[in-house]
Each structure stands twice: as structure tokens, then as C-alpha cells.
Amino acid sequence: MGWRNVYRLTDAGHDLLQAMIRDADPALLADDHEFRTRVAFFADLDAEDRLRILSARRQIVEAHLAHLAALRPDAESSPWGLRVMDFTVERFRQELTWLDALEASAAADQPGERGRP
């Protein structure tokens, strides 16, 4: 096995990372990767921050579902388009179920507590 470099965050780097993952800007949380990255670091956030991020994401997902419901009548004339729409709706519904589970875990933590869900 060869040598490898091991890097560690400085205190300033850790503070910066904390600030970045606490950011619940809907424009950021609309991006799946941005949201999932924050969830991956939930152990480093307190319960209040986790719930705030989850609430913002839930609003985004619910808005997508409402938009798709409004488009559905137009999609019914295209069987393939309807299949894509149904798949997308199911994906968002599954995410809402996942958000329910994440919120239950985050809410079970004591305020200010950090750790595993």
C-alpha cells in the first residue's frame, strides 16, 4: 500500500462547513444534491436546524406535486408523458414519506442535541 495524505478540517473550516450546511435557502434546497448533502451532515447539526431544513424541503416537494397536479389534465392526452408524470409524482410522494421519517428522528432529539437520527 502506498502513502496517502490525510486531511483534517481546521476549526475555521469546520465553522464554515457548519454555516454552509445550516443554510436552508430554498434555491439551494431545491437541488437534490444540495439537500442530500445537508442530510448526510445532520449528525453535525442540532435538531432545530435539521427540522428547519426538512421543512423547507417539504415545501419545495409539495410545490412540485401541486404543479404536476395542475399539469395532469394536459398530460392525459399523451400516454408516454403521463407515464413520466406518474413516475415523477411517485418519486415526490416517496420523498415525502422519507421526510416524515427524517422529521420524526430529528424531532426525537432534544433541542440543541447533535448526533445520529
Foldseek 3Di string as FASTA:
>chain_A
DDDDDDDDADPVRVVVVVVQLLDQPLVQLLDVVSLVVSVVCQLVPALVSQLSNLVSNLVSLVVVLVVLVVCVVVQVVPPVSNVVSVVSNVVSVVVVVVSVVSNVVSVPGDGPHGHDD
